């Protein structure tokens, strides 16, 4: 197993567990938020799938500046259901996974991603791990939302 395989496994496992959580949120609770300043469940799911698309663009462009010149297919789209959102996001996820399979091992430490607009510059390998971590954190937040709502939480530690 090589580095690319491990990265793919990590991204697939994070998403598999996220989907278990997302699909366990009752439809009538998808717009719930713990307070007026927090993401709703719907907004958090959208944030994760859209964020992966945007992170991919940042990686390809080697920095945040690329975001000034891209079309974001998520911007004008209304969230309908979790399944619909996942279906819409799948082609963009497939492109991202393909990108990961084509990374050379040397590039993980050689390529720098400039996110100085938000306070950091990181190596490509570091950024990939941050992207998966970002999704994991939001999955944990949604589990907490579910606990607060009194909704049964799925077992994600299988």
N, C-alpha and C. Protein backbone atom coordinates (compact mmCIF):
# COMPACT_ATOMS: atom_id res chain seq x y z
N UNK A 1 0.85 -1.17 0.00
CA UNK A 1 0.00 0.00 0.00
C UNK A 1 0.90 1.24 0.00
N UNK A 2 0.58 2.19 -0.87
CA UNK A 2 1.40 3.40 -0.94
C UNK A 2 0.69 4.58 -0.26
N UNK A 3 1.36 5.71 -0.24
CA UNK A 3 0.83 6.91 0.42
C UNK A 3 -0.51 7.32 -0.17
N UNK A 4 -0.63 7.29 -1.48
CA UNK A 4 -1.89 7.68 -2.12
C UNK A 4 -3.03 6.78 -1.67
N UNK A 5 -2.75 5.48 -1.59
CA UNK A 5 -3.78 4.53 -1.14
C UNK A 5 -4.24 4.87 0.28
N UNK A 6 -3.29 5.20 1.14
CA UNK A 6 -3.64 5.53 2.52
C UNK A 6 -4.48 6.81 2.59
N UNK A 7 -4.11 7.78 1.78
CA UNK A 7 -4.90 9.02 1.75
C UNK A 7 -6.33 8.75 1.28
N UNK A 8 -6.46 7.95 0.22
CA UNK A 8 -7.79 7.61 -0.29
C UNK A 8 -8.60 6.87 0.76
N UNK A 9 -7.99 5.89 1.41
CA UNK A 9 -8.70 5.14 2.46
C UNK A 9 -9.18 6.09 3.55
N UNK A 10 -8.32 7.01 3.95
CA UNK A 10 -8.71 7.96 4.99
C UNK A 10 -9.90 8.81 4.54
N UNK A 11 -9.84 9.37 3.33
CA UNK A 11 -10.96 10.18 2.84
C UNK A 11 -12.23 9.36 2.71
N UNK A 12 -12.12 8.14 2.25
CA UNK A 12 -13.30 7.29 2.10
C UNK A 12 -13.91 6.94 3.45
N UNK A 13 -13.07 6.65 4.44
CA UNK A 13 -13.57 6.32 5.78
C UNK A 13 -14.23 7.52 6.43
N UNK A 14 -13.62 8.68 6.31
CA UNK A 14 -14.21 9.89 6.88
C UNK A 14 -15.58 10.13 6.24
N UNK A 15 -15.68 10.03 4.92
CA UNK A 15 -16.96 10.29 4.25
C UNK A 15 -17.98 9.21 4.58
N UNK A 16 -17.56 7.97 4.67
CA UNK A 16 -18.51 6.90 5.00
C UNK A 16 -19.17 7.17 6.35
N UNK A 17 -18.37 7.60 7.30
CA UNK A 17 -18.90 7.87 8.63
C UNK A 17 -19.75 9.15 8.63
N UNK A 18 -19.32 10.15 7.87
CA UNK A 18 -20.12 11.37 7.75
C UNK A 18 -21.50 11.05 7.18
N UNK A 19 -21.51 10.26 6.13
CA UNK A 19 -22.79 9.92 5.50
C UNK A 19 -23.71 9.18 6.46
N UNK A 20 -23.16 8.31 7.29
CA UNK A 20 -23.99 7.62 8.29
C UNK A 20 -24.68 8.64 9.20
N UNK A 21 -23.92 9.64 9.60
CA UNK A 21 -24.48 10.68 10.47
C UNK A 21 -25.49 11.51 9.71
N UNK A 22 -25.12 12.00 8.53
CA UNK A 22 -26.00 12.86 7.76
C UNK A 22 -27.34 12.19 7.49
N UNK A 23 -27.29 10.92 7.10
CA UNK A 23 -28.52 10.21 6.75
C UNK A 23 -29.37 9.84 7.96
N UNK A 24 -28.78 9.91 9.15
CA UNK A 24 -29.52 9.57 10.37
C UNK A 24 -30.28 10.77 10.94
N UNK A 25 -30.02 11.95 10.42
CA UNK A 25 -30.72 13.14 10.91
C UNK A 25 -32.13 13.14 10.29
N UNK A 26 -33.16 13.13 11.12
CA UNK A 26 -34.52 13.14 10.57
C UNK A 26 -34.75 14.39 9.70
N UNK A 27 -35.47 14.20 8.61
CA UNK A 27 -35.71 15.30 7.67
C UNK A 27 -36.26 16.55 8.36
N UNK A 28 -37.13 16.34 9.32
CA UNK A 28 -37.73 17.50 10.00
C UNK A 28 -36.75 18.22 10.94
N UNK A 29 -35.58 17.62 11.14
CA UNK A 29 -34.56 18.24 12.01
C UNK A 29 -33.39 18.84 11.22
N UNK A 30 -33.42 18.71 9.91
CA UNK A 30 -32.27 19.16 9.11
C UNK A 30 -32.02 20.67 9.20
N UNK A 31 -33.04 21.45 9.51
CA UNK A 31 -32.85 22.91 9.61
C UNK A 31 -32.58 23.36 11.05
N UNK A 32 -32.47 22.39 11.97
CA UNK A 32 -32.21 22.71 13.36
C UNK A 32 -30.79 23.26 13.53
N UNK A 33 -30.67 24.21 14.44
CA UNK A 33 -29.35 24.77 14.81
C UNK A 33 -29.38 25.03 16.32
N UNK A 34 -28.23 24.90 16.98
CA UNK A 34 -28.22 25.08 18.43
C UNK A 34 -28.42 26.53 18.86
N UNK A 35 -28.08 27.47 18.02
CA UNK A 35 -28.32 28.88 18.30
C UNK A 35 -28.32 29.64 16.98
N UNK A 36 -28.71 30.88 17.01
CA UNK A 36 -28.88 31.66 15.78
C UNK A 36 -27.59 31.91 15.02
N UNK A 37 -26.45 31.78 15.66
CA UNK A 37 -25.18 32.04 15.00
C UNK A 37 -24.51 30.76 14.46
N UNK A 38 -25.09 29.61 14.73
CA UNK A 38 -24.50 28.33 14.33
C UNK A 38 -25.04 27.88 12.98
N UNK A 39 -24.28 27.02 12.32
CA UNK A 39 -24.78 26.35 11.12
C UNK A 39 -25.98 25.49 11.51
N UNK A 40 -26.96 25.39 10.61
CA UNK A 40 -27.99 24.36 10.75
C UNK A 40 -27.37 23.05 10.26
N UNK A 41 -28.05 21.94 10.47
CA UNK A 41 -27.55 20.65 9.97
C UNK A 41 -27.34 20.72 8.46
N UNK A 42 -28.33 21.25 7.75
CA UNK A 42 -28.25 21.40 6.29
C UNK A 42 -27.05 22.24 5.89
N UNK A 43 -26.88 23.36 6.58
CA UNK A 43 -25.76 24.25 6.24
C UNK A 43 -24.41 23.59 6.50
N UNK A 44 -24.34 22.77 7.54
CA UNK A 44 -23.07 22.11 7.84
C UNK A 44 -22.76 21.04 6.80
N UNK A 45 -23.75 20.29 6.39
CA UNK A 45 -23.54 19.28 5.34
C UNK A 45 -23.08 19.97 4.06
N UNK A 46 -23.77 21.04 3.68
CA UNK A 46 -23.38 21.79 2.48
C UNK A 46 -21.97 22.34 2.63
N UNK A 47 -21.65 22.87 3.79
CA UNK A 47 -20.32 23.42 4.05
C UNK A 47 -19.24 22.36 3.81
N UNK A 48 -19.49 21.14 4.22
CA UNK A 48 -18.50 20.07 4.06
C UNK A 48 -18.34 19.69 2.59
N UNK A 49 -19.43 19.43 1.89
CA UNK A 49 -19.28 18.98 0.49
C UNK A 49 -18.80 20.12 -0.40
N UNK A 50 -19.28 21.32 -0.16
CA UNK A 50 -18.79 22.47 -0.92
C UNK A 50 -17.34 22.76 -0.56
N UNK A 51 -17.02 22.64 0.72
CA UNK A 51 -15.65 22.87 1.17
C UNK A 51 -14.67 21.94 0.50
N UNK A 52 -15.06 20.68 0.33
CA UNK A 52 -14.16 19.74 -0.35
C UNK A 52 -13.90 20.19 -1.79
N UNK A 53 -14.95 20.64 -2.47
CA UNK A 53 -14.78 21.16 -3.83
C UNK A 53 -13.81 22.35 -3.82
N UNK A 54 -14.02 23.29 -2.90
CA UNK A 54 -13.18 24.49 -2.84
C UNK A 54 -11.74 24.15 -2.46
N UNK A 55 -11.58 23.24 -1.50
CA UNK A 55 -10.22 22.81 -1.14
C UNK A 55 -9.51 22.19 -2.34
N UNK A 56 -10.23 21.40 -3.11
CA UNK A 56 -9.62 20.79 -4.30
C UNK A 56 -9.11 21.88 -5.23
N UNK A 57 -9.91 22.91 -5.44
CA UNK A 57 -9.49 24.02 -6.31
C UNK A 57 -8.25 24.70 -5.74
N UNK A 58 -8.22 24.88 -4.43
CA UNK A 58 -7.06 25.49 -3.77
C UNK A 58 -5.81 24.64 -3.98
N UNK A 59 -5.95 23.33 -3.87
CA UNK A 59 -4.80 22.45 -4.07
C UNK A 59 -4.28 22.52 -5.50
N UNK A 60 -5.19 22.44 -6.45
CA UNK A 60 -4.80 22.50 -7.86
C UNK A 60 -4.15 23.85 -8.17
N UNK A 61 -4.70 24.93 -7.63
CA UNK A 61 -4.16 26.27 -7.87
C UNK A 61 -3.02 26.64 -6.93
N UNK A 62 -2.72 25.75 -6.00
CA UNK A 62 -1.64 25.92 -5.02
C UNK A 62 -1.82 27.12 -4.10
N UNK A 63 -3.07 27.51 -3.93
CA UNK A 63 -3.34 28.59 -2.99
C UNK A 63 -4.75 29.12 -3.11
N UNK A 64 -5.14 29.92 -2.14
CA UNK A 64 -6.49 30.46 -2.05
C UNK A 64 -6.85 31.44 -3.16
N UNK A 65 -5.86 32.09 -3.74
CA UNK A 65 -6.15 33.11 -4.75
C UNK A 65 -6.96 32.57 -5.92
N UNK A 66 -6.83 31.28 -6.18
CA UNK A 66 -7.58 30.66 -7.28
C UNK A 66 -9.09 30.79 -7.08
N UNK A 67 -9.53 30.92 -5.84
CA UNK A 67 -10.96 31.00 -5.56
C UNK A 67 -11.60 32.27 -6.12
N UNK A 68 -10.78 33.27 -6.42
CA UNK A 68 -11.30 34.50 -7.00
C UNK A 68 -11.75 34.31 -8.45
N UNK A 69 -11.31 33.23 -9.08
CA UNK A 69 -11.54 33.06 -10.52
C UNK A 69 -12.21 31.75 -10.89
N UNK A 70 -12.93 31.14 -9.97
CA UNK A 70 -13.57 29.86 -10.30
C UNK A 70 -15.09 29.99 -10.22
N UNK A 71 -15.75 29.09 -10.92
CA UNK A 71 -17.19 28.95 -10.81
C UNK A 71 -17.47 27.94 -9.70
N UNK A 72 -18.27 28.33 -8.73
CA UNK A 72 -18.63 27.43 -7.64
C UNK A 72 -20.03 26.89 -7.91
N UNK A 73 -20.14 25.63 -8.31
CA UNK A 73 -21.45 25.06 -8.66
C UNK A 73 -22.40 24.94 -7.47
N UNK A 74 -21.91 25.09 -6.26
CA UNK A 74 -22.75 24.96 -5.08
C UNK A 74 -23.46 26.26 -4.72
N UNK A 75 -22.94 27.39 -5.19
CA UNK A 75 -23.44 28.69 -4.73
C UNK A 75 -24.93 28.92 -5.00
N UNK A 76 -25.39 28.62 -6.17
CA UNK A 76 -26.78 28.92 -6.51
C UNK A 76 -27.72 27.74 -6.27
N UNK A 77 -27.20 26.67 -5.76
CA UNK A 77 -27.99 25.45 -5.60
C UNK A 77 -28.66 25.39 -4.23
N UNK A 78 -29.93 25.08 -4.23
CA UNK A 78 -30.65 24.91 -2.98
C UNK A 78 -30.51 23.47 -2.49
N UNK A 79 -30.38 23.32 -1.20
CA UNK A 79 -30.31 21.99 -0.58
C UNK A 79 -31.72 21.42 -0.55
N UNK A 80 -31.87 20.19 -1.00
CA UNK A 80 -33.19 19.54 -0.94
C UNK A 80 -33.17 18.38 0.04
N UNK A 81 -32.36 17.36 -0.25
CA UNK A 81 -32.23 16.21 0.66
C UNK A 81 -30.76 15.84 0.76
N UNK A 82 -30.43 15.07 1.77
CA UNK A 82 -29.05 14.60 1.93
C UNK A 82 -28.65 13.77 0.72
N UNK A 83 -29.50 12.85 0.29
CA UNK A 83 -29.16 12.01 -0.86
C UNK A 83 -28.95 12.84 -2.13
N UNK A 84 -29.79 13.83 -2.34
CA UNK A 84 -29.65 14.69 -3.51
C UNK A 84 -28.35 15.48 -3.44
N UNK A 85 -28.02 15.97 -2.26
CA UNK A 85 -26.77 16.73 -2.08
C UNK A 85 -25.56 15.85 -2.37
N UNK A 86 -25.60 14.63 -1.89
CA UNK A 86 -24.49 13.70 -2.13
C UNK A 86 -24.38 13.34 -3.61
N UNK A 87 -25.51 13.14 -4.24
CA UNK A 87 -25.49 12.83 -5.68
C UNK A 87 -24.92 14.00 -6.48
N UNK A 88 -25.32 15.22 -6.13
CA UNK A 88 -24.80 16.39 -6.82
C UNK A 88 -23.29 16.54 -6.61
N UNK A 89 -22.83 16.28 -5.40
CA UNK A 89 -21.42 16.47 -5.06
C UNK A 89 -20.52 15.35 -5.58
N UNK A 90 -21.09 14.20 -5.91
CA UNK A 90 -20.28 13.02 -6.25
C UNK A 90 -19.30 13.25 -7.41
N UNK A 91 -19.70 13.87 -8.52
CA UNK A 91 -18.72 14.08 -9.59
C UNK A 91 -17.53 14.93 -9.15
N UNK A 92 -17.77 15.89 -8.28
CA UNK A 92 -16.68 16.74 -7.78
C UNK A 92 -15.79 15.94 -6.82
N UNK A 93 -16.41 15.07 -6.03
CA UNK A 93 -15.64 14.20 -5.14
C UNK A 93 -14.79 13.23 -5.97
N UNK A 94 -15.38 12.68 -7.04
CA UNK A 94 -14.63 11.77 -7.90
C UNK A 94 -13.39 12.45 -8.49
N UNK A 95 -13.55 13.71 -8.90
CA UNK A 95 -12.41 14.47 -9.43
C UNK A 95 -11.34 14.66 -8.36
N UNK A 96 -11.77 14.95 -7.14
CA UNK A 96 -10.84 15.13 -6.04
C UNK A 96 -10.09 13.83 -5.74
N UNK A 97 -10.80 12.72 -5.69
CA UNK A 97 -10.15 11.42 -5.43
C UNK A 97 -9.17 11.08 -6.55
N UNK A 98 -9.53 11.38 -7.78
CA UNK A 98 -8.62 11.14 -8.90
C UNK A 98 -7.36 11.99 -8.74
N UNK A 99 -7.53 13.24 -8.34
CA UNK A 99 -6.40 14.13 -8.10
C UNK A 99 -5.45 13.48 -7.07
N UNK A 100 -6.00 12.94 -6.01
CA UNK A 100 -5.17 12.33 -4.96
C UNK A 100 -4.40 11.14 -5.50
N UNK A 101 -5.04 10.33 -6.34
CA UNK A 101 -4.34 9.15 -6.88
C UNK A 101 -3.17 9.53 -7.78
N UNK A 102 -3.21 10.74 -8.33
CA UNK A 102 -2.16 11.16 -9.27
C UNK A 102 -1.03 11.95 -8.62
N UNK A 103 -1.12 12.20 -7.34
CA UNK A 103 -0.06 12.94 -6.64
C UNK A 103 1.18 12.06 -6.52
N UNK A 104 2.32 12.64 -6.82
CA UNK A 104 3.59 11.93 -6.61
C UNK A 104 3.98 12.06 -5.15
N UNK A 105 4.54 11.02 -4.58
CA UNK A 105 4.92 11.02 -3.16
C UNK A 105 5.82 12.21 -2.83
N UNK A 106 6.74 12.52 -3.71
CA UNK A 106 7.66 13.63 -3.45
C UNK A 106 6.93 14.96 -3.35
N UNK A 107 5.80 15.09 -4.06
CA UNK A 107 5.05 16.34 -4.07
C UNK A 107 4.34 16.62 -2.74
N UNK A 108 4.07 15.58 -1.96
CA UNK A 108 3.39 15.77 -0.68
C UNK A 108 4.18 16.69 0.24
N UNK A 109 5.49 16.63 0.13
CA UNK A 109 6.35 17.47 0.96
C UNK A 109 6.96 18.64 0.19
N UNK A 110 6.92 18.56 -1.13
CA UNK A 110 7.57 19.58 -1.96
C UNK A 110 6.63 20.74 -2.30
N UNK A 111 5.39 20.44 -2.64
CA UNK A 111 4.44 21.48 -3.06
C UNK A 111 3.89 22.21 -1.84
N UNK A 112 3.91 23.53 -1.92
CA UNK A 112 3.34 24.36 -0.86
C UNK A 112 2.02 24.96 -1.32
N UNK A 113 1.08 24.99 -0.41
CA UNK A 113 -0.24 25.56 -0.67
C UNK A 113 -0.34 26.86 0.14
N UNK A 114 -0.48 27.95 -0.57
CA UNK A 114 -0.47 29.28 0.05
C UNK A 114 -1.86 29.70 0.47
N UNK A 115 -2.10 29.64 1.76
CA UNK A 115 -3.36 30.12 2.33
C UNK A 115 -3.06 31.28 3.28
N UNK A 116 -2.09 32.09 2.88
CA UNK A 116 -1.69 33.21 3.74
C UNK A 116 -2.85 34.17 3.97
N UNK A 117 -3.85 34.14 3.10
CA UNK A 117 -5.04 34.97 3.31
C UNK A 117 -5.78 34.59 4.59
N UNK A 118 -5.60 33.36 5.03
CA UNK A 118 -6.21 32.92 6.29
C UNK A 118 -5.14 32.56 7.33
N UNK A 119 -3.90 32.90 7.03
CA UNK A 119 -2.86 32.80 8.04
C UNK A 119 -1.88 31.64 7.97
N UNK A 120 -1.83 30.92 6.86
CA UNK A 120 -0.85 29.83 6.82
C UNK A 120 -0.46 29.44 5.41
N UNK A 121 0.70 28.81 5.31
CA UNK A 121 1.19 28.14 4.11
C UNK A 121 1.56 26.74 4.57
N UNK A 122 1.07 25.72 3.88
CA UNK A 122 1.32 24.33 4.30
C UNK A 122 1.73 23.47 3.11
N UNK A 123 2.39 22.39 3.43
CA UNK A 123 2.76 21.40 2.42
C UNK A 123 1.49 20.69 1.95
N UNK A 124 1.53 20.17 0.74
CA UNK A 124 0.39 19.47 0.16
C UNK A 124 -0.09 18.33 1.06
N UNK A 125 0.83 17.52 1.57
CA UNK A 125 0.43 16.41 2.44
C UNK A 125 -0.30 16.88 3.67
N UNK A 126 0.18 17.94 4.27
CA UNK A 126 -0.45 18.54 5.45
C UNK A 126 -1.86 19.00 5.09
N UNK A 127 -2.00 19.67 3.95
CA UNK A 127 -3.32 20.17 3.53
C UNK A 127 -4.31 19.04 3.32
N UNK A 128 -3.87 17.96 2.73
CA UNK A 128 -4.78 16.83 2.52
C UNK A 128 -5.31 16.31 3.85
N UNK A 129 -4.43 16.19 4.82
CA UNK A 129 -4.87 15.72 6.13
C UNK A 129 -5.81 16.73 6.80
N UNK A 130 -5.56 18.02 6.60
CA UNK A 130 -6.44 19.06 7.14
C UNK A 130 -7.83 18.98 6.52
N UNK A 131 -7.91 18.66 5.25
CA UNK A 131 -9.21 18.59 4.58
C UNK A 131 -10.05 17.46 5.19
N UNK A 132 -9.43 16.30 5.38
CA UNK A 132 -10.16 15.18 6.00
C UNK A 132 -10.53 15.52 7.44
N UNK A 133 -9.63 16.18 8.15
CA UNK A 133 -9.90 16.57 9.53
C UNK A 133 -11.07 17.55 9.60
N UNK A 134 -11.12 18.48 8.66
CA UNK A 134 -12.22 19.45 8.60
C UNK A 134 -13.57 18.73 8.57
N UNK A 135 -13.68 17.74 7.70
CA UNK A 135 -14.93 16.99 7.62
C UNK A 135 -15.20 16.23 8.91
N UNK A 136 -14.16 15.64 9.49
CA UNK A 136 -14.32 14.89 10.74
C UNK A 136 -14.84 15.76 11.87
N UNK A 137 -14.29 16.96 11.97
CA UNK A 137 -14.73 17.88 13.02
C UNK A 137 -16.22 18.19 12.86
N UNK A 138 -16.64 18.47 11.64
CA UNK A 138 -18.06 18.80 11.43
C UNK A 138 -18.96 17.59 11.65
N UNK A 139 -18.47 16.41 11.39
CA UNK A 139 -19.25 15.21 11.69
C UNK A 139 -19.44 15.09 13.20
N UNK A 140 -18.39 15.37 13.95
CA UNK A 140 -18.50 15.37 15.40
C UNK A 140 -19.48 16.43 15.89
N UNK A 141 -19.46 17.60 15.27
CA UNK A 141 -20.43 18.64 15.65
C UNK A 141 -21.85 18.16 15.41
N UNK A 142 -22.08 17.51 14.27
CA UNK A 142 -23.44 17.03 13.98
C UNK A 142 -23.87 15.94 14.96
N UNK A 143 -22.94 15.10 15.40
CA UNK A 143 -23.28 14.12 16.43
C UNK A 143 -23.71 14.82 17.72
N UNK A 144 -23.04 15.90 18.05
CA UNK A 144 -23.42 16.68 19.22
C UNK A 144 -24.80 17.33 19.02
N UNK A 145 -25.04 17.85 17.82
CA UNK A 145 -26.37 18.40 17.51
C UNK A 145 -27.43 17.33 17.76
N UNK A 146 -27.17 16.13 17.26
CA UNK A 146 -28.15 15.05 17.39
C UNK A 146 -28.40 14.72 18.86
N UNK A 147 -27.34 14.71 19.65
CA UNK A 147 -27.50 14.46 21.09
C UNK A 147 -28.38 15.55 21.70
N UNK A 148 -28.12 16.81 21.35
CA UNK A 148 -28.87 17.93 21.89
C UNK A 148 -30.34 17.88 21.45
N UNK A 149 -30.57 17.45 20.20
CA UNK A 149 -31.94 17.35 19.69
C UNK A 149 -32.68 16.14 20.27
N UNK A 150 -31.96 15.23 20.90
CA UNK A 150 -32.57 14.01 21.40
C UNK A 150 -32.81 12.98 20.32
N UNK A 151 -31.99 13.06 19.25
CA UNK A 151 -32.11 12.15 18.12
C UNK A 151 -31.12 10.99 18.31
N UNK A 152 -31.55 9.79 18.00
CA UNK A 152 -30.66 8.64 18.09
C UNK A 152 -29.48 8.82 17.14
N UNK A 153 -28.30 8.59 17.66
CA UNK A 153 -27.07 8.76 16.89
C UNK A 153 -26.60 7.41 16.34
N UNK A 154 -26.13 7.41 15.08
CA UNK A 154 -25.64 6.15 14.51
C UNK A 154 -24.31 5.75 15.12
N UNK A 155 -24.03 4.49 15.07
CA UNK A 155 -22.73 3.99 15.53
C UNK A 155 -21.75 4.13 14.36
N UNK A 156 -20.79 5.01 14.53
CA UNK A 156 -19.84 5.23 13.46
C UNK A 156 -18.48 4.58 13.73
N UNK A 157 -18.32 4.01 14.92
CA UNK A 157 -17.05 3.40 15.28
C UNK A 157 -17.11 1.89 15.10
N UNK A 158 -17.31 1.48 13.85
CA UNK A 158 -17.40 0.05 13.56
C UNK A 158 -16.06 -0.53 13.17
